[in-house]
C-alpha atoms as a PDB file:
ATOM      1  CA  UNK A   1     -31.786 -45.047  -1.807  1.00  0.00           C
ATOM      2  CA  UNK A   2     -28.574 -43.766  -3.371  1.00  0.00           C
ATOM      3  CA  UNK A   3     -28.008 -44.728  -7.000  1.00  0.00           C
ATOM      4  CA  UNK A   4     -24.394 -43.594  -6.915  1.00  0.00           C
ATOM      5  CA  UNK A   5     -22.061 -42.931  -4.106  1.00  0.00           C
ATOM      6  CA  UNK A   6     -23.104 -39.578  -2.680  1.00  0.00           C
ATOM      7  CA  UNK A   7     -20.131 -37.269  -2.483  1.00  0.00           C
ATOM      8  CA  UNK A   8     -20.338 -35.139   0.640  1.00  0.00           C
ATOM      9  CA  UNK A   9     -19.304 -31.692  -0.542  1.00  0.00           C
ATOM     10  CA  UNK A  10     -19.343 -30.043   2.785  1.00  0.00           C
ATOM     11  CA  UNK A  11     -18.289 -32.741   5.228  1.00  0.00           C
ATOM     12  CA  UNK A  12     -19.698 -34.767   8.072  1.00  0.00           C
ATOM     13  CA  UNK A  13     -18.687 -34.030  11.613  1.00  0.00           C
ATOM     14  CA  UNK A  14     -17.517 -30.519  12.535  1.00  0.00           C
ATOM     15  CA  UNK A  15     -19.772 -27.525  11.997  1.00  0.00           C
ATOM     16  CA  UNK A  16     -19.061 -24.305  10.116  1.00  0.00           C
ATOM     17  CA  UNK A  17     -20.695 -22.160  12.769  1.00  0.00           C
ATOM     18  CA  UNK A  18     -19.405 -23.681  16.052  1.00  0.00           C
ATOM     19  CA  UNK A  19     -19.171 -21.727  19.257  1.00  0.00           C
ATOM     20  CA  UNK A  20     -15.811 -20.149  19.913  1.00  0.00           C
ATOM     21  CA  UNK A  21     -13.445 -22.458  21.737  1.00  0.00           C
ATOM     22  CA  UNK A  22     -10.227 -21.924  23.595  1.00  0.00           C
ATOM     23  CA  UNK A  23      -6.986 -22.589  21.762  1.00  0.00           C
ATOM     24  CA  UNK A  24      -3.362 -22.960  22.646  1.00  0.00           C
ATOM     25  CA  UNK A  25      -1.762 -20.801  19.912  1.00  0.00           C
ATOM     26  CA  UNK A  26      -3.910 -17.777  19.202  1.00  0.00           C
ATOM     27  CA  UNK A  27      -5.908 -19.206  16.295  1.00  0.00           C
ATOM     28  CA  UNK A  28      -6.679 -16.836  13.436  1.00  0.00           C
ATOM     29  CA  UNK A  29     -10.184 -15.496  13.005  1.00  0.00           C
ATOM     30  CA  UNK A  30     -12.118 -16.507   9.883  1.00  0.00           C
ATOM     31  CA  UNK A  31     -15.338 -14.616   9.335  1.00  0.00           C
ATOM     32  CA  UNK A  32     -18.433 -15.910   7.608  1.00  0.00           C
ATOM     33  CA  UNK A  33     -20.967 -13.521   6.056  1.00  0.00           C
ATOM     34  CA  UNK A  34     -24.204 -15.310   5.210  1.00  0.00           C
ATOM     35  CA  UNK A  35     -27.446 -13.893   3.864  1.00  0.00           C
ATOM     36  CA  UNK A  36     -29.533 -16.654   5.424  1.00  0.00           C
ATOM     37  CA  UNK A  37     -30.847 -16.980   8.951  1.00  0.00           C
ATOM     38  CA  UNK A  38     -28.498 -18.522  11.529  1.00  0.00           C
ATOM     39  CA  UNK A  39     -28.582 -22.289  10.892  1.00  0.00           C
ATOM     40  CA  UNK A  40     -29.016 -25.073  13.395  1.00  0.00           C
ATOM     41  CA  UNK A  41     -25.895 -26.619  15.001  1.00  0.00           C
ATOM     42  CA  UNK A  42     -26.285 -29.755  12.863  1.00  0.00           C
ATOM     43  CA  UNK A  43     -26.636 -27.874   9.572  1.00  0.00           C
ATOM     44  CA  UNK A  44     -25.352 -30.229   6.854  1.00  0.00           C
ATOM     45  CA  UNK A  45     -23.805 -27.487   4.737  1.00  0.00           C
ATOM     46  CA  UNK A  46     -21.871 -26.070   7.669  1.00  0.00           C
ATOM     47  CA  UNK A  47     -20.711 -29.538   8.599  1.00  0.00           C
ATOM     48  CA  UNK A  48     -19.396 -30.127   5.101  1.00  0.00           C
ATOM     49  CA  UNK A  49     -17.490 -26.841   4.963  1.00  0.00           C
ATOM     50  CA  UNK A  50     -15.914 -27.511   8.327  1.00  0.00           C
ATOM     51  CA  UNK A  51     -14.854 -30.977   7.161  1.00  0.00           C
ATOM     52  CA  UNK A  52     -13.141 -29.292   4.217  1.00  0.00           C
ATOM     53  CA  UNK A  53     -11.043 -27.268   6.641  1.00  0.00           C
ATOM     54  CA  UNK A  54     -10.061 -30.411   8.482  1.00  0.00           C
ATOM     55  CA  UNK A  55      -9.205 -32.122   5.167  1.00  0.00           C
ATOM     56  CA  UNK A  56      -6.622 -29.376   4.692  1.00  0.00           C
ATOM     57  CA  UNK A  57      -5.108 -29.691   8.152  1.00  0.00           C
ATOM     58  CA  UNK A  58      -6.971 -26.775   9.723  1.00  0.00           C
ATOM     59  CA  UNK A  59      -8.437 -27.609  13.110  1.00  0.00           C
ATOM     60  CA  UNK A  60     -11.070 -25.376  14.686  1.00  0.00           C
ATOM     61  CA  UNK A  61      -9.897 -24.006  18.008  1.00  0.00           C
ATOM     62  CA  UNK A  62      -6.249 -24.792  17.278  1.00  0.00           C
ATOM     63  CA  UNK A  63      -5.599 -23.101  13.923  1.00  0.00           C
ATOM     64  CA  UNK A  64      -8.653 -20.889  13.530  1.00  0.00           C
ATOM     65  CA  UNK A  65     -12.002 -19.909  14.989  1.00  0.00           C
ATOM     66  CA  UNK A  66     -15.107 -18.915  13.070  1.00  0.00           C
ATOM     67  CA  UNK A  67     -16.829 -15.601  13.614  1.00  0.00           C
ATOM     68  CA  UNK A  68     -20.246 -16.015  12.002  1.00  0.00           C
ATOM     69  CA  UNK A  69     -22.564 -13.236  10.877  1.00  0.00           C
ATOM     70  CA  UNK A  70     -25.972 -13.800   9.262  1.00  0.00           C
ATOM     71  CA  UNK A  71     -28.205 -11.088   7.835  1.00  0.00           C
ATOM     72  CA  UNK A  72     -31.394 -13.236   7.826  1.00  0.00           C
ATOM     73  CA  UNK A  73     -32.317 -11.618   4.525  1.00  0.00           C
ATOM     74  CA  UNK A  74     -31.437  -8.032   5.462  1.00  0.00           C
ATOM     75  CA  UNK A  75     -28.467  -7.583   3.165  1.00  0.00           C
ATOM     76  CA  UNK A  76     -28.119  -3.894   4.045  1.00  0.00           C
ATOM     77  CA  UNK A  77     -26.354  -5.159   7.162  1.00  0.00           C
ATOM     78  CA  UNK A  78     -23.436  -6.598   5.180  1.00  0.00           C
ATOM     79  CA  UNK A  79     -21.212  -3.457   5.229  1.00  0.00           C
ATOM     80  CA  UNK A  80     -21.555  -3.115   9.014  1.00  0.00           C
ATOM     81  CA  UNK A  81     -20.904  -6.794   9.600  1.00  0.00           C
ATOM     82  CA  UNK A  82     -17.887  -6.751   7.271  1.00  0.00           C
ATOM     83  CA  UNK A  83     -16.410  -3.792   9.146  1.00  0.00           C
ATOM     84  CA  UNK A  84     -16.980  -5.559  12.473  1.00  0.00           C
ATOM     85  CA  UNK A  85     -15.099  -8.612  11.182  1.00  0.00           C
ATOM     86  CA  UNK A  86     -12.236  -6.384  10.047  1.00  0.00           C
ATOM     87  CA  UNK A  87     -12.118  -4.715  13.473  1.00  0.00           C
ATOM     88  CA  UNK A  88     -11.822  -8.185  15.009  1.00  0.00           C
ATOM     89  CA  UNK A  89      -8.831  -8.725  12.691  1.00  0.00           C
ATOM     90  CA  UNK A  90     -10.354 -11.512  10.639  1.00  0.00           C
ATOM     91  CA  UNK A  91      -7.725 -12.927   8.270  1.00  0.00           C
ATOM     92  CA  UNK A  92     -10.315 -14.265   5.832  1.00  0.00           C
ATOM     93  CA  UNK A  93     -13.956 -13.475   5.130  1.00  0.00           C
ATOM     94  CA  UNK A  94     -16.056 -16.228   3.564  1.00  0.00           C
ATOM     95  CA  UNK A  95     -19.351 -15.187   2.018  1.00  0.00           C
ATOM     96  CA  UNK A  96     -22.158 -16.729  -0.045  1.00  0.00           C
ATOM     97  CA  UNK A  97     -23.759 -13.578  -1.467  1.00  0.00           C
ATOM     98  CA  UNK A  98     -22.724 -10.952  -4.042  1.00  0.00           C
ATOM     99  CA  UNK A  99     -23.690  -8.272  -1.516  1.00  0.00           C
ATOM    100  CA  UNK A 100     -21.434  -9.910   1.043  1.00  0.00           C
ATOM    101  CA  UNK A 101     -18.539 -10.042  -1.426  1.00  0.00           C
ATOM    102  CA  UNK A 102     -18.918  -6.371  -2.299  1.00  0.00           C
ATOM    103  CA  UNK A 103     -19.068  -5.337   1.343  1.00  0.00           C
ATOM    104  CA  UNK A 104     -15.871  -7.255   2.084  1.00  0.00           C
ATOM    105  CA  UNK A 105     -14.137  -5.895  -1.032  1.00  0.00           C
ATOM    106  CA  UNK A 106     -14.690  -2.322   0.185  1.00  0.00           C
ATOM    107  CA  UNK A 107     -12.679  -2.879   3.365  1.00  0.00           C
ATOM    108  CA  UNK A 108      -9.504  -0.848   3.752  1.00  0.00           C
ATOM    109  CA  UNK A 109      -7.019  -2.326   4.426  1.00  0.00           C
ATOM    110  CA  UNK A 110      -8.215  -5.276   2.342  1.00  0.00           C
ATOM    111  CA  UNK A 111      -9.108  -8.685   3.784  1.00  0.00           C
ATOM    112  CA  UNK A 112      -8.844 -11.952   1.861  1.00  0.00           C
ATOM    113  CA  UNK A 113     -12.248 -13.075   0.549  1.00  0.00           C
ATOM    114  CA  UNK A 114     -13.444 -16.573  -0.302  1.00  0.00           C
ATOM    115  CA  UNK A 115     -16.709 -16.854  -2.253  1.00  0.00           C
ATOM    116  CA  UNK A 116     -18.765 -20.018  -1.890  1.00  0.00           C
ATOM    117  CA  UNK A 117     -20.840 -21.398  -4.776  1.00  0.00           C
ATOM    118  CA  UNK A 118     -21.235 -17.927  -6.302  1.00  0.00           C
ATOM    119  CA  UNK A 119     -23.485 -17.416  -9.327  1.00  0.00           C
ATOM    120  CA  UNK A 120     -21.572 -16.005 -12.313  1.00  0.00           C
ATOM    121  CA  UNK A 121     -19.033 -13.961 -10.318  1.00  0.00           C
ATOM    122  CA  UNK A 122     -17.495 -12.510 -13.498  1.00  0.00           C
ATOM    123  CA  UNK A 123     -20.836 -11.384 -14.912  1.00  0.00           C
ATOM    124  CA  UNK A 124     -21.764  -9.931 -11.524  1.00  0.00           C
ATOM    125  CA  UNK A 125     -18.575  -7.845 -11.573  1.00  0.00           C
ATOM    126  CA  UNK A 126     -17.130  -9.443  -8.448  1.00  0.00           C
ATOM    127  CA  UNK A 127     -13.927 -10.656 -10.115  1.00  0.00           C
ATOM    128  CA  UNK A 128     -12.010  -9.934 -13.313  1.00  0.00           C
ATOM    129  CA  UNK A 129     -11.911 -13.526 -14.554  1.00  0.00           C
ATOM    130  CA  UNK A 130     -12.079 -17.065 -13.205  1.00  0.00           C
ATOM    131  CA  UNK A 131      -8.384 -17.647 -13.916  1.00  0.00           C
ATOM    132  CA  UNK A 132      -7.195 -14.297 -12.497  1.00  0.00           C
ATOM    133  CA  UNK A 133      -9.951 -13.086 -10.148  1.00  0.00           C
ATOM    134  CA  UNK A 134      -8.164 -10.124  -8.521  1.00  0.00           C
ATOM    135  CA  UNK A 135      -9.960  -7.954  -5.934  1.00  0.00           C
ATOM    136  CA  UNK A 136      -8.426  -9.964  -3.069  1.00  0.00           C
ATOM    137  CA  UNK A 137     -11.103 -12.534  -3.938  1.00  0.00           C
ATOM    138  CA  UNK A 138     -11.186 -16.218  -4.824  1.00  0.00           C
ATOM    139  CA  UNK A 139     -13.379 -19.248  -4.164  1.00  0.00           C
ATOM    140  CA  UNK A 140     -15.925 -21.351  -5.997  1.00  0.00           C
ATOM    141  CA  UNK A 141     -18.559 -20.550  -8.608  1.00  0.00           C
ATOM    142  CA  UNK A 142     -21.826 -22.335  -9.303  1.00  0.00           C
ATOM    143  CA  UNK A 143     -23.259 -23.367 -12.662  1.00  0.00           C
ATOM    144  CA  UNK A 144     -26.731 -22.144 -11.726  1.00  0.00           C
ATOM    145  CA  UNK A 145     -26.930 -19.738 -14.651  1.00  0.00           C
ATOM    146  CA  UNK A 146     -26.597 -22.708 -17.031  1.00  0.00           C
ATOM    147  CA  UNK A 147     -28.634 -25.229 -15.056  1.00  0.00           C
ATOM    148  CA  UNK A 148     -31.660 -23.066 -14.176  1.00  0.00           C
ATOM    149  CA  UNK A 149     -33.191 -22.993 -17.692  1.00  0.00           C
ATOM    150  CA  UNK A 150     -32.329 -26.660 -18.235  1.00  0.00           C
ATOM    151  CA  UNK A 151     -34.766 -27.600 -15.472  1.00  0.00           C
ATOM    152  CA  UNK A 152     -37.576 -26.849 -17.944  1.00  0.00           C
ATOM    153  CA  UNK A 153     -36.705 -30.145 -19.633  1.00  0.00           C
ATOM    154  CA  UNK A 154     -37.389 -32.001 -16.398  1.00  0.00           C
ATOM    155  CA  UNK A 155     -40.628 -30.087 -15.834  1.00  0.00           C
ATOM    156  CA  UNK A 156     -41.790 -31.115 -19.296  1.00  0.00           C
ATOM    157  CA  UNK A 157     -40.753 -34.740 -18.750  1.00  0.00           C
ATOM    158  CA  UNK A 158     -42.405 -35.165 -15.351  1.00  0.00           C
ATOM    159  CA  UNK A 159     -45.422 -32.896 -15.927  1.00  0.00           C
ATOM    160  CA  UNK A 160     -45.935 -33.209 -19.712  1.00  0.00           C
ATOM    161  CA  UNK A 161     -49.116 -31.106 -19.740  1.00  0.00           C
ATOM    162  CA  UNK A 162     -47.645 -28.254 -17.713  1.00  0.00           C
ATOM    163  CA  UNK A 163     -48.631 -24.867 -19.113  1.00  0.00           C
ATOM    164  CA  UNK A 164     -47.947 -22.521 -16.181  1.00  0.00           C
ATOM    165  CA  UNK A 165     -44.759 -22.454 -14.116  1.00  0.00           C
ATOM    166  CA  UNK A 166     -44.435 -20.317 -11.003  1.00  0.00           C
ATOM    167  CA  UNK A 167     -40.874 -19.297 -10.094  1.00  0.00           C
ATOM    168  CA  UNK A 168     -39.574 -18.056  -6.738  1.00  0.00           C
ATOM    169  CA  UNK A 169     -36.367 -16.023  -6.909  1.00  0.00           C
ATOM    170  CA  UNK A 170     -34.383 -13.435  -4.963  1.00  0.00           C
ATOM    171  CA  UNK A 171     -34.777 -10.152  -6.822  1.00  0.00           C
ATOM    172  CA  UNK A 172     -32.018  -8.492  -4.750  1.00  0.00           C
ATOM    173  CA  UNK A 173     -29.333 -10.874  -5.984  1.00  0.00           C
ATOM    174  CA  UNK A 174     -28.291  -9.370  -9.336  1.00  0.00           C
ATOM    175  CA  UNK A 175     -27.665 -12.814 -10.807  1.00  0.00           C
ATOM    176  CA  UNK A 176     -31.218 -14.049 -10.111  1.00  0.00           C
ATOM    177  CA  UNK A 177     -33.129 -11.721 -12.491  1.00  0.00           C
ATOM    178  CA  UNK A 178     -30.721 -12.719 -15.277  1.00  0.00           C
ATOM    179  CA  UNK A 179     -31.464 -16.386 -14.625  1.00  0.00           C
ATOM    180  CA  UNK A 180     -35.156 -15.527 -14.467  1.00  0.00           C
ATOM    181  CA  UNK A 181     -35.002 -14.021 -17.956  1.00  0.00           C
ATOM    182  CA  UNK A 182     -33.090 -17.020 -19.316  1.00  0.00           C
ATOM    183  CA  UNK A 183     -35.636 -19.378 -17.785  1.00  0.00           C
ATOM    184  CA  UNK A 184     -38.543 -17.509 -19.377  1.00  0.00           C
ATOM    185  CA  UNK A 185     -36.806 -17.533 -22.771  1.00  0.00           C
ATOM    186  CA  UNK A 186     -36.239 -21.283 -22.506  1.00  0.00           C
ATOM    187  CA  UNK A 187     -39.810 -21.994 -21.376  1.00  0.00           C
ATOM    188  CA  UNK A 188     -41.741 -20.002 -23.991  1.00  0.00           C
ATOM    189  CA  UNK A 189     -40.886 -22.224 -26.990  1.00  0.00           C
ATOM    190  CA  UNK A 190     -42.095 -25.254 -25.022  1.00  0.00           C
ATOM    191  CA  UNK A 191     -45.502 -23.690 -24.435  1.00  0.00           C
ATOM    192  CA  UNK A 192     -44.921 -22.985 -20.749  1.00  0.00           C
ATOM    193  CA  UNK A 193     -45.799 -19.555 -19.357  1.00  0.00           C
ATOM    194  CA  UNK A 194     -43.543 -18.394 -16.526  1.00  0.00           C
ATOM    195  CA  UNK A 195     -44.796 -16.250 -13.651  1.00  0.00           C
ATOM    196  CA  UNK A 196     -42.016 -14.936 -11.392  1.00  0.00           C
ATOM    197  CA  UNK A 197     -42.492 -14.233  -7.695  1.00  0.00           C
ATOM    198  CA  UNK A 198     -39.746 -12.093  -6.192  1.00  0.00           C
ATOM    199  CA  UNK A 199     -38.613 -12.479  -2.599  1.00  0.00           C
ATOM    200  CA  UNK A 200     -36.870  -9.418  -1.228  1.00  0.00           C
ATOM    201  CA  UNK A 201     -36.904 -10.930   2.268  1.00  0.00           C
ATOM    202  CA  UNK A 202     -38.158 -14.129   3.943  1.00  0.00           C
ATOM    203  CA  UNK A 203     -41.132 -12.100   5.158  1.00  0.00           C
ATOM    204  CA  UNK A 204     -42.380 -11.964   1.563  1.00  0.00           C
ATOM    205  CA  UNK A 205     -42.879 -15.722   1.374  1.00  0.00           C
ATOM    206  CA  UNK A 206     -46.464 -15.843   2.684  1.00  0.00           C
ATOM    207  CA  UNK A 207     -47.536 -13.154   0.218  1.00  0.00           C
ATOM    208  CA  UNK A 208     -45.850 -15.116  -2.582  1.00  0.00           C
ATOM    209  CA  UNK A 209     -47.747 -18.235  -1.508  1.00  0.00           C
ATOM    210  CA  UNK A 210     -51.060 -16.370  -1.802  1.00  0.00           C
ATOM    211  CA  UNK A 211     -50.183 -15.093  -5.276  1.00  0.00           C
ATOM    212  CA  UNK A 212     -48.977 -18.490  -6.455  1.00  0.00           C
ATOM    213  CA  UNK A 213     -52.116 -20.211  -5.180  1.00  0.00           C
ATOM    214  CA  UNK A 214     -54.223 -17.658  -7.030  1.00  0.00           C
ATOM    215  CA  UNK A 215     -52.352 -18.356 -10.285  1.00  0.00           C
ATOM    216  CA  UNK A 216     -52.953 -22.105  -9.949  1.00  0.00           C
ATOM    217  CA  UNK A 217     -49.704 -23.092 -11.731  1.00  0.00           C
ATOM    218  CA  UNK A 218     -48.893 -26.608 -12.839  1.00  0.00           C
ATOM    219  CA  UNK A 219     -45.421 -26.621 -11.268  1.00  0.00           C
ATOM    220  CA  UNK A 220     -43.109 -24.504  -9.139  1.00  0.00           C
ATOM    221  CA  UNK A 221     -39.410 -23.767  -9.614  1.00  0.00           C
ATOM    222  CA  UNK A 222     -37.022 -22.236  -7.090  1.00  0.00           C
ATOM    223  CA  UNK A 223     -33.949 -20.378  -8.312  1.00  0.00           C
ATOM    224  CA  UNK A 224     -31.374 -21.285  -5.710  1.00  0.00           C
ATOM    225  CA  UNK A 225     -30.059 -18.498  -3.506  1.00  0.00           C
ATOM    226  CA  UNK A 226     -28.726 -18.397   0.072  1.00  0.00           C
ATOM    227  CA  UNK A 227     -31.635 -16.131   1.000  1.00  0.00           C
ATOM    228  CA  UNK A 228     -34.144 -18.866   0.088  1.00  0.00           C
ATOM    229  CA  UNK A 229     -32.134 -21.975   0.952  1.00  0.00           C
ATOM    230  CA  UNK A 230     -33.380 -22.069   4.544  1.00  0.00           C
ATOM    231  CA  UNK A 231     -37.033 -21.736   3.444  1.00  0.00           C
ATOM    232  CA  UNK A 232     -37.163 -25.207   1.922  1.00  0.00           C
ATOM    233  CA  UNK A 233     -39.398 -26.811   4.534  1.00  0.00           C
ATOM    234  CA  UNK A 234     -42.015 -24.044   4.248  1.00  0.00           C
ATOM    235  CA  UNK A 235     -41.934 -24.113   0.456  1.00  0.00           C
ATOM    236  CA  UNK A 236     -42.169 -27.915   0.355  1.00  0.00           C
ATOM    237  CA  UNK A 237     -45.162 -27.924   2.718  1.00  0.00           C
ATOM    238  CA  UNK A 238     -46.939 -25.301   0.597  1.00  0.00           C
ATOM    239  CA  UNK A 239     -46.181 -27.218  -2.603  1.00  0.00           C
ATOM    240  CA  UNK A 240     -47.539 -30.474  -1.198  1.00  0.00           C
ATOM    241  CA  UNK A 241     -50.678 -28.775   0.098  1.00  0.00           C
ATOM    242  CA  UNK A 242     -51.330 -27.336  -3.375  1.00  0.00           C
ATOM    243  CA  UNK A 243     -50.118 -30.467  -5.209  1.00  0.00           C
ATOM    244  CA  UNK A 244     -47.334 -28.595  -6.969  1.00  0.00           C
ATOM    245  CA  UNK A 245     -44.321 -30.519  -8.300  1.00  0.00           C
ATOM    246  CA  UNK A 246     -41.363 -28.373  -7.233  1.00  0.00           C
ATOM    247  CA  UNK A 247     -38.002 -28.183  -8.984  1.00  0.00           C
ATOM    248  CA  UNK A 248     -34.735 -26.496  -8.053  1.00  0.00           C
ATOM    249  CA  UNK A 249     -31.021 -26.396  -8.809  1.00  0.00           C
ATOM    250  CA  UNK A 250     -30.237 -26.912  -5.093  1.00  0.00           C
ATOM    251  CA  UNK A 251     -30.425 -30.299  -3.423  1.00  0.00           C
ATOM    252  CA  UNK A 252     -31.369 -28.827  -0.035  1.00  0.00           C
ATOM    253  CA  UNK A 253     -34.893 -28.196  -1.324  1.00  0.00           C
ATOM    254  CA  UNK A 254     -35.361 -31.849  -2.273  1.00  0.00           C
ATOM    255  CA  UNK A 255     -34.045 -32.911   1.110  1.00  0.00           C
ATOM    256  CA  UNK A 256     -36.669 -30.589   2.621  1.00  0.00           C
ATOM    257  CA  UNK A 257     -39.453 -32.326   0.672  1.00  0.00           C
ATOM    258  CA  UNK A 258     -39.525 -30.772  -2.808  1.00  0.00           C
ATOM    259  CA  UNK A 259     -39.678 -33.067  -5.820  1.00  0.00           C
ATOM    260  CA  UNK A 260     -36.459 -32.756  -7.800  1.00  0.00           C
ATOM    261  CA  UNK A 261     -33.173 -30.912  -8.064  1.00  0.00           C
ATOM    262  CA  UNK A 262     -30.520 -30.797 -10.732  1.00  0.00           C
ATOM    263  CA  UNK A 263     -27.365 -28.842 -10.112  1.00  0.00           C
ATOM    264  CA  UNK A 264     -23.783 -28.755  -8.964  1.00  0.00           C
ATOM    265  CA  UNK A 265     -22.609 -31.013  -6.179  1.00  0.00           C
ATOM    266  CA  UNK A 266     -23.134 -28.429  -3.490  1.00  0.00           C
ATOM    267  CA  UNK A 267     -21.479 -30.143  -0.554  1.00  0.00           C
ATOM    268  CA  UNK A 268     -18.377 -30.908  -2.607  1.00  0.00           C
ATOM    269  CA  UNK A 269     -18.149 -27.269  -3.687  1.00  0.00           C
ATOM    270  CA  UNK A 270     -18.448 -25.960  -0.154  1.00  0.00           C
ATOM    271  CA  UNK A 271     -15.938 -28.463   1.159  1.00  0.00           C
ATOM    272  CA  UNK A 272     -13.435 -26.949  -1.244  1.00  0.00           C
ATOM    273  CA  UNK A 273     -13.452 -23.755   0.856  1.00  0.00           C
ATOM    274  CA  UNK A 274     -10.906 -25.358   3.194  1.00  0.00           C
ATOM    275  CA  UNK A 275      -8.404 -25.614   0.349  1.00  0.00           C
ATOM    276  CA  UNK A 276      -8.592 -21.874  -0.304  1.00  0.00           C
ATOM    277  CA  UNK A 277      -8.310 -21.054   3.389  1.00  0.00           C
ATOM    278  CA  UNK A 278      -5.196 -23.215   3.663  1.00  0.00           C
ATOM    279  CA  UNK A 279      -3.554 -21.560   0.642  1.00  0.00           C
ATOM    280  CA  UNK A 280      -4.302 -18.058   1.911  1.00  0.00           C
ATOM    281  CA  UNK A 281      -3.087 -18.771   5.434  1.00  0.00           C
ATOM    282  CA  UNK A 282       0.087 -20.190   3.895  1.00  0.00           C
ATOM    283  CA  UNK A 283       0.695 -16.859   2.178  1.00  0.00           C
ATOM    284  CA  UNK A 284      -1.035 -17.029  -1.208  1.00  0.00           C
ATOM    285  CA  UNK A 285      -2.640 -13.899  -2.643  1.00  0.00           C
ATOM    286  CA  UNK A 286      -6.357 -14.743  -2.988  1.00  0.00           C
ATOM    287  CA  UNK A 287      -6.637 -12.667  -6.174  1.00  0.00           C
ATOM    288  CA  UNK A 288      -4.094 -14.987  -7.801  1.00  0.00           C
ATOM    289  CA  UNK A 289      -5.965 -18.208  -6.939  1.00  0.00           C
ATOM    290  CA  UNK A 290      -8.259 -19.292  -9.810  1.00  0.00           C
ATOM    291  CA  UNK A 291     -11.951 -19.510  -9.018  1.00  0.00           C
ATOM    292  CA  UNK A 292     -13.165 -23.066  -9.521  1.00  0.00           C
ATOM    293  CA  UNK A 293     -16.365 -24.141 -11.230  1.00  0.00           C
ATOM    294  CA  UNK A 294     -18.150 -27.439 -10.539  1.00  0.00           C
ATOM    295  CA  UNK A 295     -16.892 -30.470 -12.408  1.00  0.00           C
ATOM    296  CA  UNK A 296     -20.122 -32.434 -12.145  1.00  0.00           C
ATOM    297  CA  UNK A 297     -23.889 -32.123 -11.772  1.00  0.00           C
ATOM    298  CA  UNK A 298     -26.202 -34.311  -9.729  1.00  0.00           C
ATOM    299  CA  UNK A 299     -29.842 -35.251 -10.128  1.00  0.00           C
ATOM    300  CA  UNK A 300     -31.821 -35.907  -6.956  1.00  0.00           C
ATOM    301  CA  UNK A 301     -35.435 -37.097  -6.884  1.00  0.00           C
ATOM    302  CA  UNK A 302     -37.685 -37.288  -3.833  1.00  0.00           C
ATOM    303  CA  UNK A 303     -39.735 -40.371  -4.663  1.00  0.00           C
ATOM    304  CA  UNK A 304     -41.729 -40.030  -1.453  1.00  0.00           C
ATOM    305  CA  UNK A 305     -42.901 -36.601  -2.622  1.00  0.00           C
ATOM    306  CA  UNK A 306     -43.646 -37.933  -6.101  1.00  0.00           C
ATOM    307  CA  UNK A 307     -45.922 -40.587  -4.623  1.00  0.00           C
ATOM    308  CA  UNK A 308     -47.658 -37.999  -2.417  1.00  0.00           C
ATOM    309  CA  UNK A 309     -48.334 -35.920  -5.539  1.00  0.00           C
ATOM    310  CA  UNK A 310     -49.537 -38.944  -7.503  1.00  0.00           C
ATOM    311  CA  UNK A 311     -46.731 -38.587 -10.030  1.00  0.00           C
ATOM    312  CA  UNK A 312     -45.109 -41.471 -11.829  1.00  0.00           C
ATOM    313  CA  UNK A 313     -41.365 -41.103 -12.370  1.00  0.00           C
ATOM    314  CA  UNK A 314     -40.107 -43.111 -15.338  1.00  0.00           C
ATOM    315  CA  UNK A 315     -37.600 -45.907 -14.689  1.00  0.00           C
ATOM    316  CA  UNK A 316     -35.273 -44.201 -17.169  1.00  0.00           C
ATOM    317  CA  UNK A 317     -35.243 -40.974 -15.161  1.00  0.00           C
ATOM    318  CA  UNK A 318     -34.837 -42.848 -11.886  1.00  0.00           C
ATOM    319  CA  UNK A 319     -31.859 -44.676 -13.344  1.00  0.00           C
ATOM    320  CA  UNK A 320     -30.254 -41.344 -14.203  1.00  0.00           C
ATOM    321  CA  UNK A 321     -30.634 -40.042 -10.652  1.00  0.00           C
ATOM    322  CA  UNK A 322     -27.595 -39.751  -8.408  1.00  0.00           C
ATOM    323  CA  UNK A 323     -29.838 -40.024  -5.367  1.00  0.00           C
ATOM    324  CA  UNK A 324     -33.431 -41.134  -4.867  1.00  0.00           C
ATOM    325  CA  UNK A 325     -35.060 -40.260  -1.547  1.00  0.00           C
ATOM    326  CA  UNK A 326     -37.689 -42.834  -0.566  1.00  0.00           C
END
């Protein structure tokens, strides 16, 4: 049940990672560097991004084709994949990871780069400033660094007696440890002890599950990262089996069965990628295009999961939700 009109950030019908198609006028190549595993053809985030291209008059197969590269968690592959895209004469490289941005920025001659939903790109040293990014780089930033510690307030509201919070994060993304430290600092005054569990690759997830189960926490939080975004179903199943309320700043985890998310409107952010591609293909210098931050946050609650966990969500909190999954 949707409490407010759900704004599709990434679109609804064409897919970001379609198979190459024939075209009449030599469409340009747009590369995508992703740190996740290759998604399914009906991936909602890919659909939304592709819709954003169409919103800006860019038709796949006519104006451009995607060349998609996924590291499946092995980010050491980014430099090789970036060079391969350059050899294929990609006009633009889109990437969702700091490691992907850096690999693309090292290309010579340079290739235009569009970041998607990037955590603190200034603090990570990827760009000079949001207004004047430079480095042949533009795109969209997330607000995850601000939202991640705020989730403690929701943990306290939904699980008032929580004393131990387990946190899954990607230790290889330089922005994640910073958010981890901020989260711990926010949690300590509330009486919640935070135990971090680092994922260097998806293969670490089972070991993290064993450690988390041994700690017997009262709740689980996931710091959003492309490396973990496709692990939502596994994490949700583990959390339900161990009766762990699970919180995140990424709605895809709630859609996979976790309890609650609070964060930027992800699909809207990703849909904005088409605007940047249009501007660059029309001749704009990407380093001169301001990096945009989200203009709104959304709260999503999986009421079906809450009932399975035996949790009661207050009518006040439900009324605040942008979407309630039943």
